[in-house]
């Protein structure tokens, strides 16, 4: 009998007994609950992976319907986003100039609720499934939407594109104001976000973007282009939005063409597609 008792309190039996006792303590219950939750999360993620994959063409109309179903006003989404015809024109114009045999590195400036970001990310995913789009947006109220980034993430998730997206909540240059419904200089905290993101990307060595779409603050596009020259590779593509409606964008376009910095690959009246014509280091 003594040998049996010693066997239960020493060696492997002692370790098993200790674990059995710990399982009925608060720590043990918490550990068991955590492991159960992790297994359930793994099952949910596997189900999502099977059910949500990038669709062949997450069209602009599908994106708008999805966002409206989340409670957004359809007119605000449409007027705050690049229209489908222009995005299709961009894809058709850009496609022959994308690098082959490797993922595309793209930069998207100005997300709003993610229509053009989702379109661009899906377009580049079809070109190469490893392509990544880094986007910059301060996530401040715009057109009555208080937290646009939440809708951006939901839209990317809906199309299975989160793995191909990297979002930086910030300003390309300094903090800016003036958008209707957005915070103003009297309330800095409501518009707080990282600043000088383009400069900091260059400091970190995030260079050689193959494609850039600029649809942010239209008043300082020319300054953004100057900063971008440290981030884009020779032969890379730059897409400008609202070339006819905003003087700042039009002047930036005219300056880039006049100085021989870029050549125009095409324009549909809303977008202009340019190709860099000098080394990124110059």
Protein backbone atom coordinates (compact mmCIF):
# COMPACT_ATOMS: atom_id res chain seq x y z
CA UNK A 1 0.00 0.00 0.00
CA UNK A 2 2.86 2.35 0.81
CA UNK A 3 4.38 1.74 -2.61
CA UNK A 4 1.10 2.65 -4.29
CA UNK A 5 0.86 5.87 -2.25
CA UNK A 6 4.43 6.77 -3.11
CA UNK A 7 3.72 6.09 -6.78
CA UNK A 8 0.84 8.56 -6.78
CA UNK A 9 2.92 11.35 -5.22
CA UNK A 10 6.13 11.03 -7.20
CA UNK A 11 7.33 10.89 -10.79
CA UNK A 12 4.87 11.32 -13.66
CA UNK A 13 1.87 10.61 -11.46
CA UNK A 14 2.74 13.58 -9.28
CA UNK A 15 2.91 15.85 -12.32
CA UNK A 16 -0.44 14.59 -13.59
CA UNK A 17 -2.04 15.04 -10.20
CA UNK A 18 -0.74 18.61 -10.00
CA UNK A 19 -2.23 19.42 -13.40
CA UNK A 20 -5.55 17.84 -12.43
CA UNK A 21 -5.72 20.02 -9.32
CA UNK A 22 -4.77 23.17 -11.26
CA UNK A 23 -7.53 22.56 -13.79
CA UNK A 24 -10.21 23.12 -11.13
CA UNK A 25 -8.63 26.37 -9.91
CA UNK A 26 -9.53 29.79 -11.40
CA UNK A 27 -6.28 29.65 -13.41
CA UNK A 28 -7.21 26.25 -14.81
CA UNK A 29 -10.71 27.36 -15.77
CA UNK A 30 -9.30 30.43 -17.47
CA UNK A 31 -6.73 28.34 -19.37
CA UNK A 32 -9.41 25.86 -20.46
CA UNK A 33 -11.68 28.71 -21.58
CA UNK A 34 -8.81 30.31 -23.51
CA UNK A 35 -7.93 27.08 -25.32
CA UNK A 36 -11.57 26.49 -26.20
CA UNK A 37 -11.87 30.03 -27.57
CA UNK A 38 -8.69 29.61 -29.63
CA UNK A 39 -9.98 26.41 -31.20
CA UNK A 40 -13.29 28.09 -32.01
CA UNK A 41 -11.47 31.07 -33.54
CA UNK A 42 -9.37 28.73 -35.67
CA UNK A 43 -12.55 27.08 -36.98
CA UNK A 44 -14.12 30.45 -37.77
CA UNK A 45 -11.00 31.64 -39.60
CA UNK A 46 -10.84 28.46 -41.64
CA UNK A 47 -14.49 28.86 -42.59
CA UNK A 48 -13.86 32.47 -43.61
CA UNK A 49 -10.83 31.45 -45.63
CA UNK A 50 -12.94 28.98 -47.60
CA UNK A 51 -15.95 31.25 -48.06
CA UNK A 52 -14.32 34.68 -48.54
CA UNK A 53 -11.76 34.78 -51.31
CA UNK A 54 -11.04 37.62 -53.73
CA UNK A 55 -13.81 37.69 -56.30
CA UNK A 56 -12.86 37.92 -59.98
CA UNK A 57 -14.13 41.50 -60.07
CA UNK A 58 -15.31 43.23 -56.90
CA UNK A 59 -17.04 45.89 -58.94
CA UNK A 60 -17.62 49.43 -57.80
CA UNK A 61 -21.38 48.80 -57.75
CA UNK A 62 -20.95 45.79 -55.49
CA UNK A 63 -18.72 47.82 -53.18
CA UNK A 64 -21.26 50.64 -53.00
CA UNK A 65 -24.11 48.21 -52.25
CA UNK A 66 -22.04 46.66 -49.48
CA UNK A 67 -21.27 50.05 -47.92
CA UNK A 68 -24.87 51.24 -48.19
CA UNK A 69 -25.94 48.06 -46.42
CA UNK A 70 -23.64 49.15 -43.58
CA UNK A 71 -25.72 52.32 -43.19
CA UNK A 72 -23.83 54.80 -45.38
CA UNK A 73 -25.63 57.28 -47.62
CA UNK A 74 -25.36 56.16 -51.23
CA UNK A 75 -24.91 59.66 -52.65
CA UNK A 76 -22.09 60.40 -50.19
CA UNK A 77 -20.31 57.17 -51.14
CA UNK A 78 -20.70 57.79 -54.89
CA UNK A 79 -19.65 61.44 -54.89
CA UNK A 80 -16.76 60.75 -52.54
CA UNK A 81 -15.35 57.91 -54.66
CA UNK A 82 -13.73 57.57 -58.09
CA UNK A 83 -16.43 56.36 -60.53
CA UNK A 84 -16.35 52.90 -62.05
CA UNK A 85 -15.68 54.14 -65.58
CA UNK A 86 -12.52 55.95 -64.49
CA UNK A 87 -11.24 53.03 -62.41
CA UNK A 88 -11.78 50.69 -65.37
CA UNK A 89 -9.92 53.15 -67.60
CA UNK A 90 -7.06 53.24 -65.09
CA UNK A 91 -6.79 49.45 -64.94
CA UNK A 92 -6.78 49.14 -68.73
CA UNK A 93 -4.13 51.85 -69.09
CA UNK A 94 -1.89 50.66 -66.28
CA UNK A 95 -1.99 46.91 -66.97
CA UNK A 96 0.63 46.81 -69.79
CA UNK A 97 3.13 48.69 -67.61
CA UNK A 98 2.99 46.56 -64.47
CA UNK A 99 6.09 44.53 -63.56
CA UNK A 100 5.92 40.88 -64.54
CA UNK A 101 6.99 37.88 -62.53
CA UNK A 102 6.71 39.49 -59.12
CA UNK A 103 4.17 41.19 -56.80
CA UNK A 104 3.29 44.82 -57.43
CA UNK A 105 4.12 47.41 -54.74
CA UNK A 106 1.46 50.13 -54.80
CA UNK A 107 0.67 53.27 -52.81
CA UNK A 108 -2.87 54.64 -52.48
CA UNK A 109 -3.35 58.14 -51.04
CA UNK A 110 -6.83 59.02 -49.79
CA UNK A 111 -9.11 56.11 -48.91
CA UNK A 112 -12.46 57.58 -47.78
CA UNK A 113 -14.57 54.40 -47.43
CA UNK A 114 -12.38 52.20 -49.63
CA UNK A 115 -14.07 51.92 -53.04
CA UNK A 116 -11.02 52.77 -55.16
CA UNK A 117 -8.65 51.07 -52.68
CA UNK A 118 -10.62 47.82 -52.92
CA UNK A 119 -10.79 48.05 -56.71
CA UNK A 120 -7.04 48.70 -57.01
CA UNK A 121 -6.09 45.97 -54.54
CA UNK A 122 -8.25 43.39 -56.32
CA UNK A 123 -6.89 44.47 -59.71
CA UNK A 124 -3.30 44.02 -58.53
CA UNK A 125 -4.16 40.74 -56.77
CA UNK A 126 -5.31 39.36 -60.10
CA UNK A 127 -1.97 40.41 -61.59
CA UNK A 128 -0.02 38.71 -58.78
CA UNK A 129 -1.55 37.33 -55.58
CA UNK A 130 1.38 38.63 -53.53
CA UNK A 131 0.82 42.28 -54.49
CA UNK A 132 0.50 44.75 -51.62
CA UNK A 133 -1.17 48.18 -51.51
CA UNK A 134 -0.01 50.56 -48.80
CA UNK A 135 -2.60 53.29 -48.25
CA UNK A 136 -2.49 56.58 -46.37
CA UNK A 137 -5.56 58.30 -44.93
CA UNK A 138 -6.00 60.24 -41.64
CA UNK A 139 -9.39 58.61 -40.94
CA UNK A 140 -11.11 61.90 -40.15
CA UNK A 141 -14.83 62.64 -40.73
CA UNK A 142 -15.63 63.13 -44.39
CA UNK A 143 -19.01 63.57 -46.08
CA UNK A 144 -20.78 62.77 -42.84
CA UNK A 145 -18.87 59.52 -42.21
CA UNK A 146 -17.27 59.79 -38.78
CA UNK A 147 -14.94 56.77 -38.92
CA UNK A 148 -14.25 55.93 -42.58
CA UNK A 149 -11.47 53.43 -41.86
CA UNK A 150 -13.85 50.96 -40.24
CA UNK A 151 -15.78 50.74 -43.51
CA UNK A 152 -12.55 50.42 -45.50
CA UNK A 153 -11.47 47.41 -43.43
CA UNK A 154 -14.91 45.82 -43.65
CA UNK A 155 -14.94 46.19 -47.44
CA UNK A 156 -11.45 44.69 -47.81
CA UNK A 157 -12.42 41.82 -45.52
CA UNK A 158 -15.61 41.22 -47.50
CA UNK A 159 -13.50 40.62 -50.60
CA UNK A 160 -10.73 38.70 -48.82
CA UNK A 161 -8.12 41.41 -49.48
CA UNK A 162 -6.88 42.26 -45.99
CA UNK A 163 -3.69 40.27 -46.53
CA UNK A 164 -2.85 42.47 -49.53
CA UNK A 165 -3.43 45.77 -47.74
CA UNK A 166 -1.43 47.88 -45.30
CA UNK A 167 -3.20 51.01 -44.00
CA UNK A 168 -1.40 53.95 -42.38
CA UNK A 169 -3.77 56.33 -40.55
CA UNK A 170 -2.00 59.59 -41.26
CA UNK A 171 -1.33 62.64 -43.43
CA UNK A 172 1.10 62.46 -46.34
CA UNK A 173 2.52 65.85 -45.31
CA UNK A 174 1.43 68.01 -42.39
CA UNK A 175 -1.94 67.91 -40.67
CA UNK A 176 -4.56 69.59 -42.83
CA UNK A 177 -8.07 70.92 -42.29
CA UNK A 178 -10.93 72.48 -44.16
CA UNK A 179 -12.96 69.51 -45.37
CA UNK A 180 -16.71 70.01 -44.79
CA UNK A 181 -17.75 68.14 -41.65
CA UNK A 182 -14.17 67.36 -40.67
CA UNK A 183 -12.35 68.68 -37.60
CA UNK A 184 -10.79 72.11 -37.87
CA UNK A 185 -7.76 73.76 -36.32
CA UNK A 186 -9.77 74.58 -33.20
CA UNK A 187 -10.10 70.90 -32.36
CA UNK A 188 -6.77 69.24 -33.14
CA UNK A 189 -7.45 66.08 -31.16
CA UNK A 190 -10.35 65.01 -33.39
CA UNK A 191 -8.07 64.99 -36.43
CA UNK A 192 -5.00 63.50 -34.76
CA UNK A 193 -3.08 61.14 -37.03
CA UNK A 194 0.51 60.48 -38.04
CA UNK A 195 2.08 63.30 -40.06
CA UNK A 196 4.79 63.47 -42.75
CA UNK A 197 4.11 59.86 -43.71
CA UNK A 198 5.76 60.13 -47.15
CA UNK A 199 8.97 61.51 -45.65
CA UNK A 200 8.97 58.84 -42.96
CA UNK A 201 8.44 56.06 -45.50
CA UNK A 202 11.56 57.26 -47.31
CA UNK A 203 13.48 57.32 -44.01
CA UNK A 204 12.41 53.73 -43.35
CA UNK A 205 13.56 52.69 -46.81
CA UNK A 206 10.11 51.92 -48.22
CA UNK A 207 11.15 52.71 -51.77
CA UNK A 208 10.41 51.59 -55.32
CA UNK A 209 6.63 51.71 -55.46
CA UNK A 210 5.51 50.57 -58.89
CA UNK A 211 2.16 52.36 -58.85
CA UNK A 212 0.78 55.35 -56.96
CA UNK A 213 -2.81 56.63 -56.96
CA UNK A 214 -3.22 60.14 -55.49
CA UNK A 215 -6.71 61.07 -54.32
CA UNK A 216 -6.13 62.89 -51.04
CA UNK A 217 -5.93 66.60 -50.29
CA UNK A 218 -6.06 68.17 -53.75
CA UNK A 219 -4.44 71.41 -52.65
CA UNK A 220 -0.92 70.02 -52.19
CA UNK A 221 -0.58 67.39 -54.92
CA UNK A 222 2.53 69.05 -56.35
CA UNK A 223 4.27 68.82 -52.97
CA UNK A 224 3.23 65.18 -52.67
CA UNK A 225 4.73 64.47 -56.09
CA UNK A 226 8.02 66.02 -54.97
CA UNK A 227 8.11 63.79 -51.88
CA UNK A 228 7.10 60.76 -53.92
CA UNK A 229 10.17 61.00 -56.14
CA UNK A 230 12.15 59.37 -53.34
CA UNK A 231 9.65 56.51 -53.18
CA UNK A 232 8.90 55.56 -56.78
CA UNK A 233 11.03 53.55 -59.16
CA UNK A 234 12.03 54.55 -62.71
CA UNK A 235 9.18 53.75 -65.07
CA UNK A 236 6.64 53.64 -62.27
CA UNK A 237 3.07 54.85 -62.75
CA UNK A 238 1.35 57.77 -61.02
CA UNK A 239 -2.43 58.25 -61.26
CA UNK A 240 -3.95 61.64 -60.43
CA UNK A 241 -7.65 62.06 -59.63
CA UNK A 242 -9.83 65.12 -60.31
CA UNK A 243 -7.54 66.68 -62.89
CA UNK A 244 -10.30 68.87 -64.35
CA UNK A 245 -12.13 69.92 -61.19
CA UNK A 246 -9.27 71.00 -58.92
CA UNK A 247 -6.74 73.67 -59.80
CA UNK A 248 -4.08 72.21 -57.50
CA UNK A 249 -4.25 68.84 -59.27
CA UNK A 250 -4.25 70.43 -62.73
CA UNK A 251 -1.21 72.57 -61.89
CA UNK A 252 0.65 69.53 -60.54
CA UNK A 253 -0.12 67.63 -63.74
CA UNK A 254 0.97 70.48 -65.99
CA UNK A 255 4.18 70.92 -64.00
CA UNK A 256 5.09 67.25 -64.19
CA UNK A 257 4.60 67.21 -67.96
CA UNK A 258 6.21 70.59 -68.63
CA UNK A 259 9.47 69.71 -66.86
CA UNK A 260 9.77 66.37 -68.62
CA UNK A 261 9.46 64.49 -65.36
CA UNK A 262 6.68 62.29 -66.69
CA UNK A 263 4.87 61.33 -69.85
CA UNK A 264 1.13 60.98 -70.01
CA UNK A 265 -0.12 57.49 -70.81
CA UNK A 266 -3.74 58.56 -70.98
CA UNK A 267 -6.57 60.58 -69.50
CA UNK A 268 -10.32 60.13 -69.36
CA UNK A 269 -11.08 63.67 -68.16
CA UNK A 270 -11.25 62.57 -64.53
CA UNK A 271 -7.98 60.64 -64.10
CA UNK A 272 -4.56 61.18 -65.64
CA UNK A 273 -2.11 58.28 -65.83
CA UNK A 274 1.58 59.28 -65.89
CA UNK A 275 4.81 57.34 -66.16
CA UNK A 276 7.92 58.62 -64.39
CA UNK A 277 10.64 59.54 -66.89
CA UNK A 278 13.67 60.01 -64.65
CA UNK A 279 15.55 58.01 -62.01
CA UNK A 280 13.84 58.08 -58.63
CA UNK A 281 17.04 59.37 -57.00
CA UNK A 282 17.29 62.51 -59.13
